[in-house]
C-alpha atoms as a PDB file:
ATOM      1  CA  MET A   1       2.926  35.920 212.816  1.00  0.00           C
ATOM      2  CA  ASP A   2       4.811  32.695 212.953  1.00  0.00           C
ATOM      3  CA  GLY A   3       7.109  31.513 209.868  1.00  0.00           C
ATOM      4  CA  LEU A   4      10.364  32.669 208.154  1.00  0.00           C
ATOM      5  CA  LEU A   5      11.113  35.658 206.160  1.00  0.00           C
ATOM      6  CA  VAL A   6      14.319  34.896 203.874  1.00  0.00           C
ATOM      7  CA  ILE A   7      15.940  38.605 203.826  1.00  0.00           C
ATOM      8  CA  ASP A   8      18.231  39.877 200.998  1.00  0.00           C
ATOM      9  CA  LYS A   9      20.814  41.529 203.451  1.00  0.00           C
ATOM     10  CA  PRO A  10      22.390  44.491 202.168  1.00  0.00           C
ATOM     11  CA  SER A  11      26.294  45.437 202.832  1.00  0.00           C
ATOM     12  CA  GLY A  12      26.528  47.659 206.175  1.00  0.00           C
ATOM     13  CA  PRO A  13      24.188  46.565 208.842  1.00  0.00           C
ATOM     14  CA  THR A  14      24.824  43.704 211.172  1.00  0.00           C
ATOM     15  CA  SER A  15      22.495  40.811 211.326  1.00  0.00           C
ATOM     16  CA  PHE A  16      21.420  41.679 214.649  1.00  0.00           C
ATOM     17  CA  GLU A  17      20.393  45.146 213.285  1.00  0.00           C
ATOM     18  CA  VAL A  18      18.790  43.462 210.238  1.00  0.00           C
ATOM     19  CA  VAL A  19      16.466  41.379 212.841  1.00  0.00           C
ATOM     20  CA  ARG A  20      15.859  44.399 214.731  1.00  0.00           C
ATOM     21  CA  ARG A  21      14.183  45.983 211.714  1.00  0.00           C
ATOM     22  CA  VAL A  22      12.185  42.928 210.855  1.00  0.00           C
ATOM     23  CA  ARG A  23      10.910  43.244 214.325  1.00  0.00           C
ATOM     24  CA  VAL A  24       9.722  46.785 213.825  1.00  0.00           C
ATOM     25  CA  LEU A  25       8.211  46.075 210.348  1.00  0.00           C
ATOM     26  CA  THR A  26       6.474  42.994 211.350  1.00  0.00           C
ATOM     27  CA  GLY A  27       5.388  44.080 214.944  1.00  0.00           C
ATOM     28  CA  ASN A  28       6.878  40.633 216.367  1.00  0.00           C
ATOM     29  CA  ARG A  29       9.270  40.782 219.296  1.00  0.00           C
ATOM     30  CA  LYS A  30       9.965  37.195 219.004  1.00  0.00           C
ATOM     31  CA  ALA A  31      12.492  37.039 216.107  1.00  0.00           C
ATOM     32  CA  GLY A  32      16.094  35.454 215.278  1.00  0.00           C
ATOM     33  CA  HIS A  33      18.163  34.961 212.463  1.00  0.00           C
ATOM     34  CA  THR A  34      19.758  31.780 211.239  1.00  0.00           C
ATOM     35  CA  GLY A  35      23.361  32.097 210.920  1.00  0.00           C
ATOM     36  CA  THR A  36      25.144  35.501 211.058  1.00  0.00           C
ATOM     37  CA  LEU A  37      26.480  37.382 208.268  1.00  0.00           C
ATOM     38  CA  ASP A  38      29.294  39.747 208.513  1.00  0.00           C
ATOM     39  CA  PRO A  39      28.515  43.891 208.151  1.00  0.00           C
ATOM     40  CA  LEU A  40      30.421  43.442 204.816  1.00  0.00           C
ATOM     41  CA  ALA A  41      28.400  40.625 203.570  1.00  0.00           C
ATOM     42  CA  THR A  42      25.013  40.530 201.353  1.00  0.00           C
ATOM     43  CA  GLY A  43      22.851  37.897 200.737  1.00  0.00           C
ATOM     44  CA  VAL A  44      20.446  35.476 202.301  1.00  0.00           C
ATOM     45  CA  LEU A  45      19.774  35.681 205.815  1.00  0.00           C
ATOM     46  CA  PRO A  46      16.678  33.721 206.947  1.00  0.00           C
ATOM     47  CA  VAL A  47      14.875  35.661 209.812  1.00  0.00           C
ATOM     48  CA  ALA A  48      12.370  33.060 211.868  1.00  0.00           C
ATOM     49  CA  LEU A  49       9.338  34.897 213.749  1.00  0.00           C
ATOM     50  CA  GLY A  50       7.192  33.897 216.580  1.00  0.00           C
ATOM     51  CA  GLU A  51       7.099  29.955 216.979  1.00  0.00           C
ATOM     52  CA  ALA A  52       9.363  29.566 214.091  1.00  0.00           C
ATOM     53  CA  THR A  53      12.132  30.832 216.213  1.00  0.00           C
ATOM     54  CA  LYS A  54      12.379  27.148 217.685  1.00  0.00           C
ATOM     55  CA  LEU A  55      13.321  26.115 214.507  1.00  0.00           C
ATOM     56  CA  ALA A  56      16.232  28.672 214.182  1.00  0.00           C
ATOM     57  CA  GLY A  57      18.995  26.382 215.528  1.00  0.00           C
ATOM     58  CA  LEU A  58      17.951  23.335 213.223  1.00  0.00           C
ATOM     59  CA  LEU A  59      18.066  25.816 210.000  1.00  0.00           C
ATOM     60  CA  ALA A  60      21.508  27.101 211.167  1.00  0.00           C
ATOM     61  CA  ASP A  61      22.864  23.780 210.939  1.00  0.00           C
ATOM     62  CA  GLY A  62      22.276  23.345 207.318  1.00  0.00           C
ATOM     63  CA  GLU A  63      25.030  23.974 204.496  1.00  0.00           C
ATOM     64  CA  LYS A  64      25.913  27.516 203.329  1.00  0.00           C
ATOM     65  CA  ALA A  65      26.600  28.773 199.986  1.00  0.00           C
ATOM     66  CA  TYR A  66      28.813  31.750 198.939  1.00  0.00           C
ATOM     67  CA  ASP A  67      30.146  33.902 195.990  1.00  0.00           C
ATOM     68  CA  ALA A  68      33.548  35.691 197.330  1.00  0.00           C
ATOM     69  CA  VAL A  69      36.033  38.154 196.063  1.00  0.00           C
ATOM     70  CA  VAL A  70      39.559  37.803 197.511  1.00  0.00           C
ATOM     71  CA  ARG A  71      42.118  40.531 197.554  1.00  0.00           C
ATOM     72  CA  LEU A  72      45.370  39.522 196.896  1.00  0.00           C
ATOM     73  CA  GLY A  73      48.845  41.272 198.170  1.00  0.00           C
ATOM     74  CA  LEU A  74      47.103  42.724 201.167  1.00  0.00           C
ATOM     75  CA  GLU A  75      46.462  41.408 204.891  1.00  0.00           C
ATOM     76  CA  THR A  76      44.527  42.991 207.443  1.00  0.00           C
ATOM     77  CA  ASP A  77      43.691  42.394 211.222  1.00  0.00           C
ATOM     78  CA  THR A  78      40.111  41.212 210.535  1.00  0.00           C
ATOM     79  CA  LEU A  79      40.866  39.262 207.404  1.00  0.00           C
ATOM     80  CA  ASP A  80      38.732  41.571 205.092  1.00  0.00           C
ATOM     81  CA  VAL A  81      39.112  45.006 203.335  1.00  0.00           C
ATOM     82  CA  THR A  82      37.527  46.833 206.259  1.00  0.00           C
ATOM     83  CA  GLY A  83      40.522  46.250 208.661  1.00  0.00           C
ATOM     84  CA  THR A  84      43.627  47.647 209.480  1.00  0.00           C
ATOM     85  CA  VAL A  85      46.512  46.694 207.079  1.00  0.00           C
ATOM     86  CA  ARG A  86      49.177  44.560 208.526  1.00  0.00           C
ATOM     87  CA  ARG A  87      51.205  43.955 205.573  1.00  0.00           C
ATOM     88  CA  THR A  88      51.315  44.571 201.809  1.00  0.00           C
ATOM     89  CA  ALA A  89      53.022  42.103 199.364  1.00  0.00           C
ATOM     90  CA  PRO A  90      53.491  42.062 195.503  1.00  0.00           C
ATOM     91  CA  VAL A  91      51.220  39.537 193.954  1.00  0.00           C
ATOM     92  CA  PRO A  92      52.845  36.715 191.787  1.00  0.00           C
ATOM     93  CA  PRO A  93      51.675  36.321 188.132  1.00  0.00           C
ATOM     94  CA  LEU A  94      48.594  34.287 188.460  1.00  0.00           C
ATOM     95  CA  THR A  95      47.554  31.390 186.453  1.00  0.00           C
ATOM     96  CA  GLU A  96      44.586  28.843 186.379  1.00  0.00           C
ATOM     97  CA  PRO A  97      46.709  25.804 187.108  1.00  0.00           C
ATOM     98  CA  ALA A  98      48.535  27.642 189.862  1.00  0.00           C
ATOM     99  CA  LEU A  99      45.110  28.818 191.552  1.00  0.00           C
ATOM    100  CA  ALA A 100      43.589  25.393 190.987  1.00  0.00           C
ATOM    101  CA  ALA A 101      46.625  24.035 192.733  1.00  0.00           C
ATOM    102  CA  ALA A 102      46.167  26.589 195.685  1.00  0.00           C
ATOM    103  CA  LEU A 103      42.352  25.791 196.006  1.00  0.00           C
ATOM    104  CA  GLU A 104      42.739  21.981 196.071  1.00  0.00           C
ATOM    105  CA  ARG A 105      43.917  22.069 199.599  1.00  0.00           C
ATOM    106  CA  PHE A 106      40.917  23.555 200.945  1.00  0.00           C
ATOM    107  CA  ARG A 107      38.362  21.132 199.681  1.00  0.00           C
ATOM    108  CA  GLY A 108      37.043  18.355 201.908  1.00  0.00           C
ATOM    109  CA  THR A 109      37.204  18.357 205.675  1.00  0.00           C
ATOM    110  CA  HIS A 110      39.802  19.822 207.677  1.00  0.00           C
ATOM    111  CA  LEU A 111      40.402  22.014 210.549  1.00  0.00           C
ATOM    112  CA  GLN A 112      39.989  25.857 210.705  1.00  0.00           C
ATOM    113  CA  THR A 113      40.727  28.334 213.401  1.00  0.00           C
ATOM    114  CA  PRO A 114      37.798  30.805 213.886  1.00  0.00           C
ATOM    115  CA  PRO A 115      38.987  34.549 213.194  1.00  0.00           C
ATOM    116  CA  MET A 116      39.085  36.954 216.329  1.00  0.00           C
ATOM    117  CA  VAL A 117      36.257  39.072 214.725  1.00  0.00           C
ATOM    118  CA  SER A 118      33.869  35.949 214.822  1.00  0.00           C
ATOM    119  CA  ALA A 119      30.632  35.360 217.201  1.00  0.00           C
ATOM    120  CA  VAL A 120      32.285  32.340 218.970  1.00  0.00           C
ATOM    121  CA  LYS A 121      32.283  32.655 222.438  1.00  0.00           C
ATOM    122  CA  VAL A 122      35.577  32.050 224.562  1.00  0.00           C
ATOM    123  CA  ARG A 123      35.318  32.118 228.498  1.00  0.00           C
ATOM    124  CA  GLY A 124      32.118  33.824 228.211  1.00  0.00           C
ATOM    125  CA  ARG A 125      32.755  36.406 225.732  1.00  0.00           C
ATOM    126  CA  ARG A 126      32.407  36.619 222.012  1.00  0.00           C
ATOM    127  CA  LEU A 127      35.750  36.877 220.102  1.00  0.00           C
ATOM    128  CA  TYR A 128      34.885  40.115 218.152  1.00  0.00           C
ATOM    129  CA  GLN A 129      34.261  41.646 221.756  1.00  0.00           C
ATOM    130  CA  ARG A 130      37.532  40.707 222.646  1.00  0.00           C
ATOM    131  CA  ALA A 131      39.279  42.090 219.563  1.00  0.00           C
ATOM    132  CA  ARG A 132      37.540  45.300 219.983  1.00  0.00           C
ATOM    133  CA  ALA A 133      39.148  45.363 223.477  1.00  0.00           C
ATOM    134  CA  GLY A 134      42.826  44.856 221.807  1.00  0.00           C
ATOM    135  CA  GLU A 135      42.834  41.412 222.979  1.00  0.00           C
ATOM    136  CA  GLU A 136      44.247  38.135 221.314  1.00  0.00           C
ATOM    137  CA  VAL A 137      43.419  35.018 222.565  1.00  0.00           C
ATOM    138  CA  GLU A 138      43.938  31.348 221.626  1.00  0.00           C
ATOM    139  CA  ARG A 139      41.024  29.732 219.943  1.00  0.00           C
ATOM    140  CA  ALA A 140      40.488  26.052 219.438  1.00  0.00           C
ATOM    141  CA  ALA A 141      40.407  24.784 215.449  1.00  0.00           C
ATOM    142  CA  ARG A 142      37.088  23.267 214.293  1.00  0.00           C
ATOM    143  CA  THR A 143      36.277  20.574 212.114  1.00  0.00           C
ATOM    144  CA  VAL A 144      34.752  22.217 208.705  1.00  0.00           C
ATOM    145  CA  SER A 145      33.977  20.789 205.406  1.00  0.00           C
ATOM    146  CA  VAL A 146      33.851  22.495 201.825  1.00  0.00           C
ATOM    147  CA  HIS A 147      31.692  20.575 199.678  1.00  0.00           C
ATOM    148  CA  ALA A 148      32.432  22.445 196.564  1.00  0.00           C
ATOM    149  CA  LEU A 149      35.112  25.260 195.641  1.00  0.00           C
ATOM    150  CA  VAL A 150      35.163  26.639 192.240  1.00  0.00           C
ATOM    151  CA  LEU A 151      37.436  29.362 190.953  1.00  0.00           C
ATOM    152  CA  ARG A 152      34.996  31.685 188.680  1.00  0.00           C
ATOM    153  CA  ASP A 153      37.460  34.282 187.690  1.00  0.00           C
ATOM    154  CA  PHE A 154      40.847  35.961 188.421  1.00  0.00           C
ATOM    155  CA  SER A 155      42.567  38.963 187.676  1.00  0.00           C
ATOM    156  CA  ALA A 156      45.988  40.458 188.479  1.00  0.00           C
ATOM    157  CA  SER A 157      45.437  40.960 192.317  1.00  0.00           C
ATOM    158  CA  GLU A 158      41.691  39.518 192.645  1.00  0.00           C
ATOM    159  CA  VAL A 159      40.131  35.954 192.831  1.00  0.00           C
ATOM    160  CA  THR A 160      36.304  35.319 192.464  1.00  0.00           C
ATOM    161  CA  LEU A 161      35.372  31.846 194.040  1.00  0.00           C
ATOM    162  CA  SER A 162      32.046  30.075 194.647  1.00  0.00           C
ATOM    163  CA  LEU A 163      31.950  27.792 197.423  1.00  0.00           C
ATOM    164  CA  ARG A 164      29.317  25.327 199.140  1.00  0.00           C
ATOM    165  CA  CYS A 165      30.513  24.519 202.821  1.00  0.00           C
ATOM    166  CA  SER A 166      29.154  23.463 206.505  1.00  0.00           C
ATOM    167  CA  LYS A 167      28.238  25.327 209.280  1.00  0.00           C
ATOM    168  CA  GLY A 168      30.822  27.110 211.103  1.00  0.00           C
ATOM    169  CA  PHE A 169      33.183  27.469 207.904  1.00  0.00           C
ATOM    170  CA  TYR A 170      34.714  31.310 207.794  1.00  0.00           C
ATOM    171  CA  VAL A 171      35.360  32.647 204.137  1.00  0.00           C
ATOM    172  CA  ARG A 172      37.621  35.202 205.533  1.00  0.00           C
ATOM    173  CA  VAL A 173      39.889  32.592 206.862  1.00  0.00           C
ATOM    174  CA  LEU A 174      39.932  30.733 203.366  1.00  0.00           C
ATOM    175  CA  ALA A 175      40.703  34.128 201.960  1.00  0.00           C
ATOM    176  CA  ASP A 176      43.647  34.832 204.540  1.00  0.00           C
ATOM    177  CA  GLU A 177      44.953  31.109 203.935  1.00  0.00           C
ATOM    178  CA  LEU A 178      44.679  31.239 200.168  1.00  0.00           C
ATOM    179  CA  GLY A 179      46.727  34.588 199.952  1.00  0.00           C
ATOM    180  CA  ARG A 180      49.545  32.917 202.297  1.00  0.00           C
ATOM    181  CA  ALA A 181      49.483  29.609 200.083  1.00  0.00           C
ATOM    182  CA  LEU A 182      50.234  32.053 197.173  1.00  0.00           C
ATOM    183  CA  GLY A 183      52.815  33.832 198.923  1.00  0.00           C
ATOM    184  CA  CYS A 184      51.521  37.139 199.076  1.00  0.00           C
ATOM    185  CA  GLY A 185      48.910  37.366 201.443  1.00  0.00           C
ATOM    186  CA  GLY A 186      45.076  37.984 201.064  1.00  0.00           C
ATOM    187  CA  CYS A 187      41.971  39.305 202.510  1.00  0.00           C
ATOM    188  CA  LEU A 188      38.177  39.127 201.702  1.00  0.00           C
ATOM    189  CA  LYS A 189      37.144  42.219 199.526  1.00  0.00           C
ATOM    190  CA  ALA A 190      33.145  40.877 199.021  1.00  0.00           C
ATOM    191  CA  LEU A 191      31.162  38.104 200.153  1.00  0.00           C
ATOM    192  CA  ARG A 192      27.303  37.384 199.099  1.00  0.00           C
ATOM    193  CA  ARG A 193      25.584  34.442 200.669  1.00  0.00           C
ATOM    194  CA  THR A 194      23.753  32.688 197.795  1.00  0.00           C
ATOM    195  CA  ALA A 195      22.092  29.818 199.937  1.00  0.00           C
ATOM    196  CA  SER A 196      21.300  29.084 203.710  1.00  0.00           C
ATOM    197  CA  GLY A 197      20.150  25.398 204.206  1.00  0.00           C
ATOM    198  CA  PRO A 198      17.225  24.981 201.610  1.00  0.00           C
ATOM    199  CA  PHE A 199      16.719  28.624 200.855  1.00  0.00           C
ATOM    200  CA  GLY A 200      18.374  30.198 198.035  1.00  0.00           C
ATOM    201  CA  ILE A 201      19.062  33.682 196.918  1.00  0.00           C
ATOM    202  CA  ASP A 202      15.923  33.642 194.511  1.00  0.00           C
ATOM    203  CA  ARG A 203      13.612  33.137 197.771  1.00  0.00           C
ATOM    204  CA  ALA A 204      15.061  36.396 199.596  1.00  0.00           C
ATOM    205  CA  VAL A 205      13.510  39.869 199.503  1.00  0.00           C
ATOM    206  CA  PRO A 206      15.803  42.970 199.859  1.00  0.00           C
ATOM    207  CA  LEU A 207      15.330  44.410 203.149  1.00  0.00           C
ATOM    208  CA  ASP A 208      14.369  47.635 201.822  1.00  0.00           C
ATOM    209  CA  ARG A 209      12.000  46.552 199.462  1.00  0.00           C
ATOM    210  CA  LEU A 210      10.169  44.201 202.782  1.00  0.00           C
ATOM    211  CA  GLU A 211       9.962  47.667 204.721  1.00  0.00           C
ATOM    212  CA  ALA A 212       8.530  49.591 201.404  1.00  0.00           C
ATOM    213  CA  LEU A 213       5.985  46.877 201.244  1.00  0.00           C
ATOM    214  CA  ALA A 214       5.118  46.867 205.191  1.00  0.00           C
ATOM    215  CA  ALA A 215       4.764  50.649 205.044  1.00  0.00           C
ATOM    216  CA  GLY A 216       2.349  50.363 201.756  1.00  0.00           C
ATOM    217  CA  PRO A 217      -1.407  49.367 201.674  1.00  0.00           C
ATOM    218  CA  GLY A 218      -2.212  45.914 202.793  1.00  0.00           C
ATOM    219  CA  GLY A 219       1.322  45.969 204.481  1.00  0.00           C
ATOM    220  CA  GLU A 220       0.464  43.096 206.680  1.00  0.00           C
ATOM    221  CA  ALA A 221      -0.980  40.699 203.900  1.00  0.00           C
ATOM    222  CA  ALA A 222       2.231  41.714 201.762  1.00  0.00           C
ATOM    223  CA  LEU A 223       4.345  40.401 204.462  1.00  0.00           C
ATOM    224  CA  ARG A 224       2.311  37.392 205.194  1.00  0.00           C
ATOM    225  CA  ALA A 225       2.440  36.450 201.553  1.00  0.00           C
ATOM    226  CA  ARG A 226       6.315  36.203 201.790  1.00  0.00           C
ATOM    227  CA  LEU A 227       6.243  34.472 205.066  1.00  0.00           C
ATOM    228  CA  ILE A 228       7.383  30.443 204.668  1.00  0.00           C
ATOM    229  CA  PRO A 229       5.310  28.849 207.203  1.00  0.00           C
ATOM    230  CA  PRO A 230       7.103  26.590 209.653  1.00  0.00           C
ATOM    231  CA  VAL A 231       6.032  23.358 208.140  1.00  0.00           C
ATOM    232  CA  ASP A 232       8.285  24.175 205.284  1.00  0.00           C
ATOM    233  CA  MET A 233      11.195  25.377 206.819  1.00  0.00           C
ATOM    234  CA  LEU A 234      12.490  21.861 206.883  1.00  0.00           C
ATOM    235  CA  PRO A 235      11.709  20.451 203.508  1.00  0.00           C
ATOM    236  CA  ASP A 236      13.927  17.536 203.669  1.00  0.00           C
ATOM    237  CA  LEU A 237      12.421  15.853 206.639  1.00  0.00           C
ATOM    238  CA  PRO A 238       9.577  13.518 205.712  1.00  0.00           C
ATOM    239  CA  LEU A 239       5.952  14.079 207.273  1.00  0.00           C
ATOM    240  CA  PHE A 240       4.331  12.093 209.936  1.00  0.00           C
ATOM    241  CA  ARG A 241       0.960  13.200 210.223  1.00  0.00           C
ATOM    242  CA  VAL A 242      -1.179  12.421 213.435  1.00  0.00           C
ATOM    243  CA  ALA A 243      -4.670  12.264 214.288  1.00  0.00           C
ATOM    244  CA  ALA A 244      -6.549  14.949 215.779  1.00  0.00           C
ATOM    245  CA  GLU A 245      -6.669  12.998 218.909  1.00  0.00           C
ATOM    246  CA  ASP A 246      -2.872  12.860 219.250  1.00  0.00           C
ATOM    247  CA  VAL A 247      -2.194  16.720 218.739  1.00  0.00           C
ATOM    248  CA  PRO A 248      -2.567  17.216 222.653  1.00  0.00           C
ATOM    249  CA  ARG A 249      -0.382  14.288 223.403  1.00  0.00           C
ATOM    250  CA  VAL A 250       2.372  15.703 220.883  1.00  0.00           C
ATOM    251  CA  ALA A 251       2.053  19.187 222.686  1.00  0.00           C
ATOM    252  CA  HIS A 252       2.693  17.199 226.016  1.00  0.00           C
ATOM    253  CA  GLY A 253       5.886  15.258 224.481  1.00  0.00           C
ATOM    254  CA  VAL A 254       4.199  11.867 224.770  1.00  0.00           C
ATOM    255  CA  PRO A 255       6.607   9.708 222.708  1.00  0.00           C
ATOM    256  CA  LEU A 256       4.028   8.559 219.983  1.00  0.00           C
ATOM    257  CA  PRO A 257       4.722   5.275 217.849  1.00  0.00           C
ATOM    258  CA  VAL A 258       5.917   6.065 214.394  1.00  0.00           C
ATOM    259  CA  HIS A 259       4.977   3.954 211.043  1.00  0.00           C
ATOM    260  CA  LEU A 260       6.883   5.399 208.140  1.00  0.00           C
ATOM    261  CA  GLU A 261       6.751   3.670 204.762  1.00  0.00           C
ATOM    262  CA  THR A 262      10.300   4.873 204.302  1.00  0.00           C
ATOM    263  CA  PRO A 263      12.323   4.796 207.502  1.00  0.00           C
ATOM    264  CA  ALA A 264      13.904   8.393 208.443  1.00  0.00           C
ATOM    265  CA  PRO A 265      16.006   9.214 211.539  1.00  0.00           C
ATOM    266  CA  ARG A 266      14.074  12.683 211.876  1.00  0.00           C
ATOM    267  CA  VAL A 267      10.297  13.732 211.002  1.00  0.00           C
ATOM    268  CA  ARG A 268       8.459  16.821 210.590  1.00  0.00           C
ATOM    269  CA  VAL A 269       5.199  15.850 212.670  1.00  0.00           C
ATOM    270  CA  VAL A 270       1.798  17.562 211.477  1.00  0.00           C
ATOM    271  CA  GLY A 271      -1.840  17.510 212.576  1.00  0.00           C
ATOM    272  CA  PRO A 272      -4.614  16.711 210.295  1.00  0.00           C
ATOM    273  CA  ASP A 273      -4.506  20.445 209.007  1.00  0.00           C
ATOM    274  CA  GLY A 274      -0.968  20.053 207.693  1.00  0.00           C
ATOM    275  CA  ALA A 275       0.120  22.676 210.491  1.00  0.00           C
ATOM    276  CA  LEU A 276       3.577  21.996 212.156  1.00  0.00           C
ATOM    277  CA  LEU A 277       3.122  20.540 215.503  1.00  0.00           C
ATOM    278  CA  ALA A 278       6.858  19.527 216.263  1.00  0.00           C
ATOM    279  CA  VAL A 279      10.145  18.113 215.017  1.00  0.00           C
ATOM    280  CA  ALA A 280      11.161  14.810 216.407  1.00  0.00           C
ATOM    281  CA  ASP A 281      13.882  11.976 215.852  1.00  0.00           C
ATOM    282  CA  VAL A 282      12.628   8.364 215.570  1.00  0.00           C
ATOM    283  CA  ARG A 283      14.313   6.406 218.275  1.00  0.00           C
ATOM    284  CA  ALA A 284      13.069   2.777 218.729  1.00  0.00           C
ATOM    285  CA  GLY A 285      10.060   3.315 216.718  1.00  0.00           C
ATOM    286  CA  ARG A 286       8.813   6.089 218.394  1.00  0.00           C
ATOM    287  CA  LEU A 287       9.002   9.991 218.253  1.00  0.00           C
ATOM    288  CA  ALA A 288      11.751  11.871 220.440  1.00  0.00           C
ATOM    289  CA  TYR A 289      10.772  15.434 220.325  1.00  0.00           C
ATOM    290  CA  VAL A 290      13.536  17.806 219.220  1.00  0.00           C
ATOM    291  CA  ARG A 291      11.251  20.913 219.111  1.00  0.00           C
ATOM    292  CA  VAL A 292       7.500  21.276 220.043  1.00  0.00           C
ATOM    293  CA  LEU A 293       5.507  24.137 218.643  1.00  0.00           C
ATOM    294  CA  SER A 294       2.570  25.790 220.018  1.00  0.00           C
ATOM    295  CA  GLY A 295      -0.438  27.482 217.934  1.00  0.00           C
ATOM    296  CA  SER A 296      -1.494  27.657 214.329  1.00  0.00           C
ATOM    297  CA  GLU A 297       0.332  28.666 211.474  1.00  0.00           C
ATOM    298  CA  PRO A 298      -0.360  31.533 209.101  1.00  0.00           C
ATOM    299  CA  GLY A 299      -3.011  30.685 206.305  1.00  0.00           C
ATOM    300  CA  LYS A 300      -3.945  27.300 207.964  1.00  0.00           C
ATOM    301  CA  ALA A 301      -7.441  26.545 209.242  1.00  0.00           C
ATOM    302  CA  GLY A 302      -7.649  25.443 212.901  1.00  0.00           C
ATOM    303  CA  PRO A 303      -7.362  22.129 214.469  1.00  0.00           C
ATOM    304  CA  ASP A 304      -9.464  19.439 212.943  1.00  0.00           C
ATOM    305  CA  THR A 305     -11.676  17.679 215.345  1.00  0.00           C
ATOM    306  CA  SER A 306     -13.196  15.194 213.130  1.00  0.00           C
ATOM    307  CA  GLY A 307     -10.625  12.402 214.230  1.00  0.00           C
ATOM    308  CA  ARG A 308      -9.592  12.083 210.432  1.00  0.00           C
ATOM    309  CA  SER A 309      -5.818  11.296 209.608  1.00  0.00           C
END
């Protein structure tokens, strides 16, 4: 089973636990997610299976979108409501103009320091592992971008936001920094990822629903019906179709010449049957392979040996 399942992750389990459960229900030992969601968070968690795991890193580079609730007047060691309280403070009267002014500084490209509870590795160990051991280590700030940040609602002590951001952006850090900007502290109360790369919440299936489908009659067929084939995992990349005789050359990394009506820096290389063979950069008019897949996709016919392109 090769392809992508877009999971609507529930609050509670880790992303690794979701992947483990997907392995069990699909019987596929080769699986991986395309961007961690914290246990508190819900929403879009794409899980790649089989040969599609080779594309997971490319999907992880895409933009993310979130709905978030920030609790003001409360600071914790994890920057969310599950952590140990470090400080409380009264929340000043909130107004839309004051919140709009505070949020403006977070739009655009800026530096952000990863939190200690993140999966970033420092000297070979993930930060959350060091945090559990009681360590606090220096972290290098990273360049992140916020492409959209919208104030949805607010009350006396909570602010609801929607945002679209680059890979590597931590919403819990935004919650903490927004609280500091307002002078009362803050932390993340709730987080829902509404999109990851090209896949929105409308494409996501709740994990318990997927498990019920897998356990029911025709379970495998029901799962395959929700499986996004590898060729559709990077829909923004143009297609470059090769003839049947060139399929083995792609598999062996031969840099074939590229002829495109519209120039593009990166393409999906497909065979005569439409199955994804590779993802490649176009350099000096030839394919430079980024990922090469093997095998056939679900629901696709076998290789066309007629020589037609």
